[in-house]
Amino acid sequence: MTDPVLTLRDASLAFGPRTLWSGLDLDVQPGEFIAVLGSNGSGKSSLLKVILGQQRLSGGSVSFLGAPGRRGDRRIGYVPQQKLADDGTPLRARDLVALGLSGHRWGVPLPSAARRREVDALLEGVGATDYANVGVGTLSGGEQQRVRIGQALAGEPRLLLCDEPLLSLDLTHQRAVSELIDRQRRERDFGVLFVTHDINPILDMVDRVLYLAGGGFRIGTPEEVLRSEVLSELYGSRVDVIRTHGRVIVVGTPDGAHGHPDDQLAHHDDHDHRPSPGLLGGLP
């Protein structure tokens, strides 16, 4: 077994009286693909912020490549939630990718043939060569996500954090972006933490699942975690997991399980935890 790229030990995160998760032990191995699932406000995006050094743990420790985690480590790539750029954004696709090479430096980088070759290689790697010189604001959502992945890969990451990268994409682009991330992690052997509400587009790519809910968590393969008895225990109420046509449907997650980012959790209503129907992936 190789040394993990990321290690959390007895990690906990709380905001005021509310504990999102505690006692979390997690090792992410090189080349491993881990899906991070759970209710809204359960701390999925906050976990990524901890790893990025943007949020301090309430307890425990986090280390990256054997050293304490620190902010601004370029060996950790980050793909944010899909958000369409404005039409007037004055950047081409190649300019956005180039920021991944030099965005951490002060000043305007001088153009060079070597830099252009690096950018061209990154664009080719994510299938974005055809629109390299096109304005980012005119690209489709799927095309923009390809460019953002190219930007995240510019630092030659050992760990790639993906925060709902499939949000607002249609099924075709969801699959294309998922396969792109999966192919790159296999070729480059970096670990992936992939936050998502719908595991179905990545179900056959995932090695393990980290499911956060009710202040607790479960870690294991999709077959071990995505089971009615496991999620019912985690939520403290009846949850049904249905498998049909190669898809996973989770019914009975609490109100607010979809649609609110974790950073709004301070305003989240903690008083009503009655279960209501919800889906983790839709019907085929």
C-alpha atoms as a PDB file:
ATOM      1  CA  MET A   1       0.000   0.000   0.000  1.00  0.00           C
ATOM      2  CA  THR A   2       1.367   3.394  -0.978  1.00  0.00           C
ATOM      3  CA  ASP A   3       1.270   6.375   1.364  1.00  0.00           C
ATOM      4  CA  PRO A   4      -2.049   8.271   1.217  1.00  0.00           C
ATOM      5  CA  VAL A   5      -2.149  11.705  -0.385  1.00  0.00           C
ATOM      6  CA  LEU A   6      -4.656  12.907   2.212  1.00  0.00           C
ATOM      7  CA  THR A   7      -5.211  11.858   5.813  1.00  0.00           C
ATOM      8  CA  LEU A   8      -7.824  13.004   8.313  1.00  0.00           C
ATOM      9  CA  ARG A   9      -7.657  11.706  11.875  1.00  0.00           C
ATOM     10  CA  ASP A  10     -10.448  12.079  14.437  1.00  0.00           C
ATOM     11  CA  ALA A  11     -11.518  15.157  12.481  1.00  0.00           C
ATOM     12  CA  SER A  12     -14.537  17.149  13.591  1.00  0.00           C
ATOM     13  CA  LEU A  13     -16.232  20.292  12.338  1.00  0.00           C
ATOM     14  CA  ALA A  14     -18.806  22.319  14.233  1.00  0.00           C
ATOM     15  CA  PHE A  15     -20.460  25.696  13.839  1.00  0.00           C
ATOM     16  CA  GLY A  16     -21.725  26.938  17.183  1.00  0.00           C
ATOM     17  CA  PRO A  17     -23.726  24.176  18.870  1.00  0.00           C
ATOM     18  CA  ARG A  18     -24.115  22.186  15.664  1.00  0.00           C
ATOM     19  CA  THR A  19     -21.621  19.430  14.868  1.00  0.00           C
ATOM     20  CA  LEU A  20     -21.504  18.549  11.193  1.00  0.00           C
ATOM     21  CA  TRP A  21     -19.293  15.501  11.647  1.00  0.00           C
ATOM     22  CA  SER A  22     -16.845  14.171  14.209  1.00  0.00           C
ATOM     23  CA  GLY A  23     -14.416  11.296  14.621  1.00  0.00           C
ATOM     24  CA  LEU A  24     -13.742  11.240  10.888  1.00  0.00           C
ATOM     25  CA  ASP A  25     -10.802   9.048   9.885  1.00  0.00           C
ATOM     26  CA  LEU A  26     -10.106   9.062   6.157  1.00  0.00           C
ATOM     27  CA  ASP A  27      -7.165   8.119   3.948  1.00  0.00           C
ATOM     28  CA  VAL A  28      -7.286   8.978   0.242  1.00  0.00           C
ATOM     29  CA  GLN A  29      -4.893   6.876  -1.806  1.00  0.00           C
ATOM     30  CA  PRO A  30      -3.209   7.945  -5.075  1.00  0.00           C
ATOM     31  CA  GLY A  31      -5.596   7.251  -7.950  1.00  0.00           C
ATOM     32  CA  GLU A  32      -8.581   6.657  -5.661  1.00  0.00           C
ATOM     33  CA  PHE A  33     -11.991   8.123  -6.573  1.00  0.00           C
ATOM     34  CA  ILE A  34     -14.181   8.902  -3.541  1.00  0.00           C
ATOM     35  CA  ALA A  35     -17.697  10.308  -3.865  1.00  0.00           C
ATOM     36  CA  VAL A  36     -18.846  12.592  -1.033  1.00  0.00           C
ATOM     37  CA  LEU A  37     -22.613  12.392  -0.559  1.00  0.00           C
ATOM     38  CA  GLY A  38     -25.180  13.565   1.964  1.00  0.00           C
ATOM     39  CA  SER A  39     -27.845  16.058   2.918  1.00  0.00           C
ATOM     40  CA  ASN A  40     -27.443  19.759   2.361  1.00  0.00           C
ATOM     41  CA  GLY A  41     -25.815  21.360   5.368  1.00  0.00           C
ATOM     42  CA  SER A  42     -24.071  18.095   6.258  1.00  0.00           C
ATOM     43  CA  GLY A  43     -20.637  19.588   5.608  1.00  0.00           C
ATOM     44  CA  LYS A  44     -19.659  18.250   2.187  1.00  0.00           C
ATOM     45  CA  SER A  45     -18.372  21.521   0.751  1.00  0.00           C
ATOM     46  CA  SER A  46     -17.044  22.484   4.172  1.00  0.00           C
ATOM     47  CA  LEU A  47     -14.899  19.340   4.107  1.00  0.00           C
ATOM     48  CA  LEU A  48     -13.302  20.578   0.885  1.00  0.00           C
ATOM     49  CA  LYS A  49     -12.687  23.972   2.494  1.00  0.00           C
ATOM     50  CA  VAL A  50     -10.899  22.249   5.373  1.00  0.00           C
ATOM     51  CA  ILE A  51      -8.637  20.410   2.930  1.00  0.00           C
ATOM     52  CA  LEU A  52      -7.986  23.648   1.013  1.00  0.00           C
ATOM     53  CA  GLY A  53      -6.978  25.373   4.245  1.00  0.00           C
ATOM     54  CA  GLN A  54      -9.924  27.776   4.101  1.00  0.00           C
ATOM     55  CA  GLN A  55     -11.696  26.351   7.145  1.00  0.00           C
ATOM     56  CA  ARG A  56     -10.163  25.157  10.414  1.00  0.00           C
ATOM     57  CA  LEU A  57     -11.185  21.884  11.976  1.00  0.00           C
ATOM     58  CA  SER A  58     -12.891  22.005  15.352  1.00  0.00           C
ATOM     59  CA  GLY A  59     -10.836  18.996  16.380  1.00  0.00           C
ATOM     60  CA  GLY A  60      -8.486  16.374  14.995  1.00  0.00           C
ATOM     61  CA  SER A  61      -6.019  16.814  12.166  1.00  0.00           C
ATOM     62  CA  VAL A  62      -5.679  16.933   8.395  1.00  0.00           C
ATOM     63  CA  SER A  63      -2.468  16.254   6.493  1.00  0.00           C
ATOM     64  CA  PHE A  64      -1.588  16.337   2.814  1.00  0.00           C
ATOM     65  CA  LEU A  65       1.356  14.290   1.544  1.00  0.00           C
ATOM     66  CA  GLY A  66       2.413  13.696   5.134  1.00  0.00           C
ATOM     67  CA  ALA A  67       2.541  17.361   6.173  1.00  0.00           C
ATOM     68  CA  PRO A  68      -0.075  19.565   7.881  1.00  0.00           C
ATOM     69  CA  GLY A  69      -2.523  20.987   5.389  1.00  0.00           C
ATOM     70  CA  ARG A  70      -1.897  24.578   4.325  1.00  0.00           C
ATOM     71  CA  ARG A  71      -3.694  27.141   2.245  1.00  0.00           C
ATOM     72  CA  GLY A  72      -2.633  27.686  -1.349  1.00  0.00           C
ATOM     73  CA  ASP A  73      -0.960  24.329  -2.019  1.00  0.00           C
ATOM     74  CA  ARG A  74      -0.969  24.064  -5.829  1.00  0.00           C
ATOM     75  CA  ARG A  75      -0.713  20.290  -5.606  1.00  0.00           C
ATOM     76  CA  ILE A  76      -4.386  20.300  -4.633  1.00  0.00           C
ATOM     77  CA  GLY A  77      -6.556  20.992  -7.674  1.00  0.00           C
ATOM     78  CA  TYR A  78     -10.068  22.384  -7.310  1.00  0.00           C
ATOM     79  CA  VAL A  79     -13.045  22.256  -9.673  1.00  0.00           C
ATOM     80  CA  PRO A  80     -15.897  24.464  -8.407  1.00  0.00           C
ATOM     81  CA  GLN A  81     -19.620  24.160  -8.919  1.00  0.00           C
ATOM     82  CA  GLN A  82     -20.609  24.661 -12.528  1.00  0.00           C
ATOM     83  CA  LYS A  83     -21.513  28.316 -13.012  1.00  0.00           C
ATOM     84  CA  LEU A  84     -21.833  29.856 -16.439  1.00  0.00           C
ATOM     85  CA  ALA A  85     -19.490  32.761 -17.096  1.00  0.00           C
ATOM     86  CA  ASP A  86     -21.010  36.015 -18.309  1.00  0.00           C
ATOM     87  CA  ASP A  87     -20.992  36.603 -22.056  1.00  0.00           C
ATOM     88  CA  GLY A  88     -18.757  39.613 -21.552  1.00  0.00           C
ATOM     89  CA  THR A  89     -16.044  37.751 -19.649  1.00  0.00           C
ATOM     90  CA  PRO A  90     -12.812  38.979 -21.333  1.00  0.00           C
ATOM     91  CA  LEU A  91     -11.021  35.644 -21.190  1.00  0.00           C
ATOM     92  CA  ARG A  92     -10.494  32.949 -23.760  1.00  0.00           C
ATOM     93  CA  ALA A  93     -10.434  29.289 -22.794  1.00  0.00           C
ATOM     94  CA  ARG A  94      -6.623  29.228 -23.061  1.00  0.00           C
ATOM     95  CA  ASP A  95      -6.379  32.306 -20.808  1.00  0.00           C
ATOM     96  CA  LEU A  96      -8.371  30.583 -18.053  1.00  0.00           C
ATOM     97  CA  VAL A  97      -6.204  27.471 -18.254  1.00  0.00           C
ATOM     98  CA  ALA A  98      -3.058  29.624 -18.225  1.00  0.00           C
ATOM     99  CA  LEU A  99      -4.154  31.118 -14.895  1.00  0.00           C
ATOM    100  CA  GLY A 100      -3.696  27.651 -13.451  1.00  0.00           C
ATOM    101  CA  LEU A 101      -0.024  27.869 -14.397  1.00  0.00           C
ATOM    102  CA  SER A 102       0.644  31.372 -13.125  1.00  0.00           C
ATOM    103  CA  GLY A 103      -2.341  32.589 -11.131  1.00  0.00           C
ATOM    104  CA  HIS A 104      -0.414  32.121  -7.874  1.00  0.00           C
ATOM    105  CA  ARG A 105       2.314  34.540  -8.994  1.00  0.00           C
ATOM    106  CA  TRP A 106       2.365  38.321  -8.791  1.00  0.00           C
ATOM    107  CA  GLY A 107       2.346  40.330 -11.982  1.00  0.00           C
ATOM    108  CA  VAL A 108       1.499  39.511 -15.573  1.00  0.00           C
ATOM    109  CA  PRO A 109       3.404  36.481 -16.895  1.00  0.00           C
ATOM    110  CA  LEU A 110       5.505  37.015 -19.974  1.00  0.00           C
ATOM    111  CA  PRO A 111       4.402  35.031 -23.030  1.00  0.00           C
ATOM    112  CA  SER A 112       6.696  32.218 -24.053  1.00  0.00           C
ATOM    113  CA  ALA A 113       6.682  29.243 -26.400  1.00  0.00           C
ATOM    114  CA  ALA A 114       7.123  26.840 -23.479  1.00  0.00           C
ATOM    115  CA  ARG A 115       4.130  28.303 -21.645  1.00  0.00           C
ATOM    116  CA  ARG A 116       1.988  28.087 -24.770  1.00  0.00           C
ATOM    117  CA  ARG A 117       2.946  24.426 -25.240  1.00  0.00           C
ATOM    118  CA  GLU A 118       1.929  23.694 -21.629  1.00  0.00           C
ATOM    119  CA  VAL A 119      -1.438  25.357 -22.133  1.00  0.00           C
ATOM    120  CA  ASP A 120      -1.982  23.562 -25.454  1.00  0.00           C
ATOM    121  CA  ALA A 121      -1.212  20.206 -23.809  1.00  0.00           C
ATOM    122  CA  LEU A 122      -3.676  20.885 -20.998  1.00  0.00           C
ATOM    123  CA  LEU A 123      -6.382  21.934 -23.447  1.00  0.00           C
ATOM    124  CA  GLU A 124      -5.782  18.808 -25.509  1.00  0.00           C
ATOM    125  CA  GLY A 125      -5.907  16.636 -22.378  1.00  0.00           C
ATOM    126  CA  VAL A 126      -9.410  17.847 -21.524  1.00  0.00           C
ATOM    127  CA  GLY A 127     -10.682  17.879 -25.105  1.00  0.00           C
ATOM    128  CA  ALA A 128     -10.874  21.677 -25.375  1.00  0.00           C
ATOM    129  CA  THR A 129      -8.440  22.351 -28.238  1.00  0.00           C
ATOM    130  CA  ASP A 130     -11.183  23.283 -30.714  1.00  0.00           C
ATOM    131  CA  TYR A 131     -12.336  26.235 -28.611  1.00  0.00           C
ATOM    132  CA  ALA A 132      -8.989  27.283 -27.121  1.00  0.00           C
ATOM    133  CA  ASN A 133      -9.297  30.813 -28.508  1.00  0.00           C
ATOM    134  CA  VAL A 134     -13.015  31.222 -27.905  1.00  0.00           C
ATOM    135  CA  GLY A 135     -14.357  33.527 -25.193  1.00  0.00           C
ATOM    136  CA  VAL A 136     -15.258  31.600 -22.046  1.00  0.00           C
ATOM    137  CA  GLY A 137     -18.625  33.360 -21.801  1.00  0.00           C
ATOM    138  CA  THR A 138     -19.757  31.929 -25.141  1.00  0.00           C
ATOM    139  CA  LEU A 139     -18.987  28.294 -24.217  1.00  0.00           C
ATOM    140  CA  SER A 140     -21.620  25.816 -23.084  1.00  0.00           C
ATOM    141  CA  GLY A 141     -21.701  24.627 -19.489  1.00  0.00           C
ATOM    142  CA  GLY A 142     -19.982  21.367 -20.348  1.00  0.00           C
ATOM    143  CA  GLU A 143     -17.277  23.155 -22.342  1.00  0.00           C
ATOM    144  CA  GLN A 144     -16.645  25.564 -19.493  1.00  0.00           C
ATOM    145  CA  GLN A 145     -16.259  22.690 -17.043  1.00  0.00           C
ATOM    146  CA  ARG A 146     -13.690  21.049 -19.322  1.00  0.00           C
ATOM    147  CA  VAL A 147     -11.703  24.284 -19.284  1.00  0.00           C
ATOM    148  CA  ARG A 148     -11.958  24.520 -15.482  1.00  0.00           C
ATOM    149  CA  ILE A 149     -10.680  20.966 -15.177  1.00  0.00           C
ATOM    150  CA  GLY A 150      -7.758  21.908 -17.432  1.00  0.00           C
ATOM    151  CA  GLN A 151      -7.051  24.847 -15.138  1.00  0.00           C
ATOM    152  CA  ALA A 152      -7.190  22.575 -12.057  1.00  0.00           C
ATOM    153  CA  LEU A 153      -4.750  20.136 -13.688  1.00  0.00           C
ATOM    154  CA  ALA A 154      -2.221  22.880 -14.471  1.00  0.00           C
ATOM    155  CA  GLY A 155      -0.593  22.561 -11.065  1.00  0.00           C
ATOM    156  CA  GLU A 156      -0.035  18.804 -11.600  1.00  0.00           C
ATOM    157  CA  PRO A 157      -2.210  17.983  -8.576  1.00  0.00           C
ATOM    158  CA  ARG A 158      -1.811  14.971  -6.339  1.00  0.00           C
ATOM    159  CA  LEU A 159      -5.399  15.476  -5.160  1.00  0.00           C
ATOM    160  CA  LEU A 160      -8.373  16.858  -7.092  1.00  0.00           C
ATOM    161  CA  LEU A 161     -11.342  18.303  -5.186  1.00  0.00           C
ATOM    162  CA  CYS A 162     -14.582  18.583  -7.152  1.00  0.00           C
ATOM    163  CA  ASP A 163     -17.475  20.528  -5.623  1.00  0.00           C
ATOM    164  CA  GLU A 164     -20.695  19.629  -7.449  1.00  0.00           C
ATOM    165  CA  PRO A 165     -18.983  19.896 -10.869  1.00  0.00           C
ATOM    166  CA  LEU A 166     -22.035  18.413 -12.638  1.00  0.00           C
ATOM    167  CA  LEU A 167     -24.563  20.903 -11.305  1.00  0.00           C
ATOM    168  CA  SER A 168     -26.834  22.317 -14.050  1.00  0.00           C
ATOM    169  CA  LEU A 169     -25.295  20.114 -16.759  1.00  0.00           C
ATOM    170  CA  ASP A 170     -27.484  17.886 -18.919  1.00  0.00           C
ATOM    171  CA  LEU A 171     -27.012  14.123 -18.776  1.00  0.00           C
ATOM    172  CA  THR A 172     -24.718  14.022 -21.807  1.00  0.00           C
ATOM    173  CA  HIS A 173     -22.351  16.645 -20.396  1.00  0.00           C
ATOM    174  CA  GLN A 174     -22.536  15.110 -16.913  1.00  0.00           C
ATOM    175  CA  ARG A 175     -21.247  11.852 -18.321  1.00  0.00           C
ATOM    176  CA  ALA A 176     -18.581  13.533 -20.459  1.00  0.00           C
ATOM    177  CA  VAL A 177     -17.199  15.606 -17.569  1.00  0.00           C
ATOM    178  CA  SER A 178     -17.272  12.597 -15.215  1.00  0.00           C
ATOM    179  CA  GLU A 179     -15.405  10.403 -17.697  1.00  0.00           C
ATOM    180  CA  LEU A 180     -12.852  13.164 -18.244  1.00  0.00           C
ATOM    181  CA  ILE A 181     -12.071  13.395 -14.513  1.00  0.00           C
ATOM    182  CA  ASP A 182     -11.966   9.602 -14.229  1.00  0.00           C
ATOM    183  CA  ARG A 183      -9.571   9.246 -17.183  1.00  0.00           C
ATOM    184  CA  GLN A 184      -7.264  11.961 -15.918  1.00  0.00           C
ATOM    185  CA  ARG A 185      -7.021  10.518 -12.397  1.00  0.00           C
ATOM    186  CA  ARG A 186      -6.125   7.120 -13.842  1.00  0.00           C
ATOM    187  CA  GLU A 187      -3.508   8.552 -16.182  1.00  0.00           C
ATOM    188  CA  ARG A 188      -2.017  10.962 -13.615  1.00  0.00           C
ATOM    189  CA  ASP A 189      -2.645   8.813 -10.507  1.00  0.00           C
ATOM    190  CA  PHE A 190      -4.105  11.559  -8.330  1.00  0.00           C
ATOM    191  CA  GLY A 191      -6.792  11.090  -5.699  1.00  0.00           C
ATOM    192  CA  VAL A 192     -10.280  12.526  -6.228  1.00  0.00           C
ATOM    193  CA  LEU A 193     -12.868  13.749  -3.723  1.00  0.00           C
ATOM    194  CA  PHE A 194     -16.049  14.344  -5.713  1.00  0.00           C
ATOM    195  CA  VAL A 195     -18.933  16.110  -3.959  1.00  0.00           C
ATOM    196  CA  THR A 196     -22.258  15.363  -5.636  1.00  0.00           C
ATOM    197  CA  HIS A 197     -25.972  14.977  -4.986  1.00  0.00           C
ATOM    198  CA  ASP A 198     -26.356  12.367  -7.702  1.00  0.00           C
ATOM    199  CA  ILE A 199     -23.953   9.444  -7.709  1.00  0.00           C
ATOM    200  CA  ASN A 200     -25.438   7.843 -10.812  1.00  0.00           C
ATOM    201  CA  PRO A 201     -23.244   9.608 -13.421  1.00  0.00           C
ATOM    202  CA  ILE A 202     -20.122   8.406 -11.557  1.00  0.00           C
ATOM    203  CA  LEU A 203     -21.395   5.181  -9.994  1.00  0.00           C
ATOM    204  CA  ASP A 204     -19.210   2.865 -12.095  1.00  0.00           C
ATOM    205  CA  MET A 205     -16.120   5.044 -11.502  1.00  0.00           C
ATOM    206  CA  VAL A 206     -16.276   5.340  -7.710  1.00  0.00           C
ATOM    207  CA  ASP A 207     -13.995   3.288  -5.467  1.00  0.00           C
ATOM    208  CA  ARG A 208     -15.536   4.400  -2.160  1.00  0.00           C
ATOM    209  CA  VAL A 209     -18.317   6.605  -0.815  1.00  0.00           C
ATOM    210  CA  LEU A 210     -18.123   9.017   2.123  1.00  0.00           C
ATOM    211  CA  TYR A 211     -21.705   9.690   3.203  1.00  0.00           C
ATOM    212  CA  LEU A 212     -22.283  12.589   5.636  1.00  0.00           C
ATOM    213  CA  ALA A 213     -25.609  12.955   7.456  1.00  0.00           C
ATOM    214  CA  GLY A 214     -27.089  13.599  10.875  1.00  0.00           C
ATOM    215  CA  GLY A 215     -23.745  14.608  12.367  1.00  0.00           C
ATOM    216  CA  GLY A 216     -22.245  11.236  11.459  1.00  0.00           C
ATOM    217  CA  PHE A 217     -20.753   9.474   8.462  1.00  0.00           C
ATOM    218  CA  ARG A 218     -20.210   6.140   6.752  1.00  0.00           C
ATOM    219  CA  ILE A 219     -17.288   5.145   4.514  1.00  0.00           C
ATOM    220  CA  GLY A 220     -17.130   2.139   2.208  1.00  0.00           C
ATOM    221  CA  THR A 221     -17.819   0.928  -1.291  1.00  0.00           C
ATOM    222  CA  PRO A 222     -21.098   2.048  -2.892  1.00  0.00           C
ATOM    223  CA  GLU A 223     -22.492  -1.437  -2.246  1.00  0.00           C
ATOM    224  CA  GLU A 224     -21.575  -1.208   1.446  1.00  0.00           C
ATOM    225  CA  VAL A 225     -22.843   2.314   2.113  1.00  0.00           C
ATOM    226  CA  LEU A 226     -25.805   2.828  -0.209  1.00  0.00           C
ATOM    227  CA  ARG A 227     -28.100   0.387   1.594  1.00  0.00           C
ATOM    228  CA  SER A 228     -31.428   1.008   3.297  1.00  0.00           C
ATOM    229  CA  GLU A 229     -30.294  -0.183   6.723  1.00  0.00           C
ATOM    230  CA  VAL A 230     -27.077   1.849   6.646  1.00  0.00           C
ATOM    231  CA  LEU A 231     -28.677   5.151   5.612  1.00  0.00           C
ATOM    232  CA  SER A 232     -31.670   4.617   7.918  1.00  0.00           C
ATOM    233  CA  GLU A 233     -29.276   4.301  10.854  1.00  0.00           C
ATOM    234  CA  LEU A 234     -27.307   7.340   9.703  1.00  0.00           C
ATOM    235  CA  TYR A 235     -30.397   9.550   9.338  1.00  0.00           C
ATOM    236  CA  GLY A 236     -32.232   8.120  12.342  1.00  0.00           C
ATOM    237  CA  SER A 237     -35.351   7.565  10.234  1.00  0.00           C
ATOM    238  CA  ARG A 238     -36.539   5.249   7.499  1.00  0.00           C
ATOM    239  CA  VAL A 239     -34.628   5.608   4.226  1.00  0.00           C
ATOM    240  CA  ASP A 240     -35.150   3.280   1.276  1.00  0.00           C
ATOM    241  CA  VAL A 241     -32.441   2.578  -1.289  1.00  0.00           C
ATOM    242  CA  ILE A 242     -33.739   1.242  -4.583  1.00  0.00           C
ATOM    243  CA  ARG A 243     -31.525  -0.082  -7.370  1.00  0.00           C
ATOM    244  CA  THR A 244     -33.072  -0.187 -10.823  1.00  0.00           C
ATOM    245  CA  HIS A 245     -31.632  -0.251 -14.343  1.00  0.00           C
ATOM    246  CA  GLY A 246     -28.129   0.348 -12.964  1.00  0.00           C
ATOM    247  CA  ARG A 247     -29.202   3.450 -11.027  1.00  0.00           C
ATOM    248  CA  VAL A 248     -29.465   4.158  -7.310  1.00  0.00           C
ATOM    249  CA  ILE A 249     -32.534   5.919  -5.916  1.00  0.00           C
ATOM    250  CA  VAL A 250     -32.602   7.040  -2.281  1.00  0.00           C
ATOM    251  CA  VAL A 251     -36.071   7.840  -0.927  1.00  0.00           C
ATOM    252  CA  GLY A 252     -36.874   9.355   2.454  1.00  0.00           C
ATOM    253  CA  THR A 253     -33.979  11.744   3.124  1.00  0.00           C
ATOM    254  CA  PRO A 254     -34.859  14.746   5.320  1.00  0.00           C
ATOM    255  CA  ASP A 255     -36.176  18.098   4.132  1.00  0.00           C
ATOM    256  CA  GLY A 256     -33.441  20.300   2.729  1.00  0.00           C
ATOM    257  CA  ALA A 257     -31.435  17.380   1.389  1.00  0.00           C
ATOM    258  CA  HIS A 258     -31.047  19.100  -1.950  1.00  0.00           C
ATOM    259  CA  GLY A 259     -30.558  22.653  -3.106  1.00  0.00           C
ATOM    260  CA  HIS A 260     -28.683  24.602  -0.413  1.00  0.00           C
ATOM    261  CA  PRO A 261     -24.900  24.958  -0.270  1.00  0.00           C
ATOM    262  CA  ASP A 262     -23.136  24.012   2.943  1.00  0.00           C
ATOM    263  CA  ASP A 263     -21.912  27.540   3.572  1.00  0.00           C
ATOM    264  CA  GLN A 264     -25.505  28.560   4.315  1.00  0.00           C
ATOM    265  CA  LEU A 265     -25.755  26.054   7.142  1.00  0.00           C
ATOM    266  CA  ALA A 266     -25.541  28.762   9.793  1.00  0.00           C
ATOM    267  CA  HIS A 267     -29.002  29.869   8.606  1.00  0.00           C
ATOM    268  CA  HIS A 268     -30.336  26.332   8.215  1.00  0.00           C
ATOM    269  CA  ASP A 269     -33.442  25.459  10.260  1.00  0.00           C
ATOM    270  CA  ASP A 270     -32.302  22.903  12.810  1.00  0.00           C
ATOM    271  CA  HIS A 271     -35.728  22.364  14.333  1.00  0.00           C
ATOM    272  CA  ASP A 272     -37.539  20.296  11.731  1.00  0.00           C
ATOM    273  CA  HIS A 273     -35.904  16.954  10.923  1.00  0.00           C
ATOM    274  CA  ARG A 274     -39.015  15.107   9.782  1.00  0.00           C
ATOM    275  CA  PRO A 275     -38.284  12.846   6.823  1.00  0.00           C
ATOM    276  CA  SER A 276     -39.755  13.619   3.437  1.00  0.00           C
ATOM    277  CA  PRO A 277     -39.310  11.989   0.026  1.00  0.00           C
ATOM    278  CA  GLY A 278     -36.064  12.808  -1.711  1.00  0.00           C
ATOM    279  CA  LEU A 279     -33.958  11.397  -4.499  1.00  0.00           C
ATOM    280  CA  LEU A 280     -30.259  10.731  -4.895  1.00  0.00           C
ATOM    281  CA  GLY A 281     -30.458  10.471  -8.645  1.00  0.00           C
ATOM    282  CA  GLY A 282     -33.693  10.393 -10.596  1.00  0.00           C
ATOM    283  CA  LEU A 283     -35.639   7.640 -12.202  1.00  0.00           C
ATOM    284  CA  PRO A 284     -34.234   6.365 -15.488  1.00  0.00           C
END
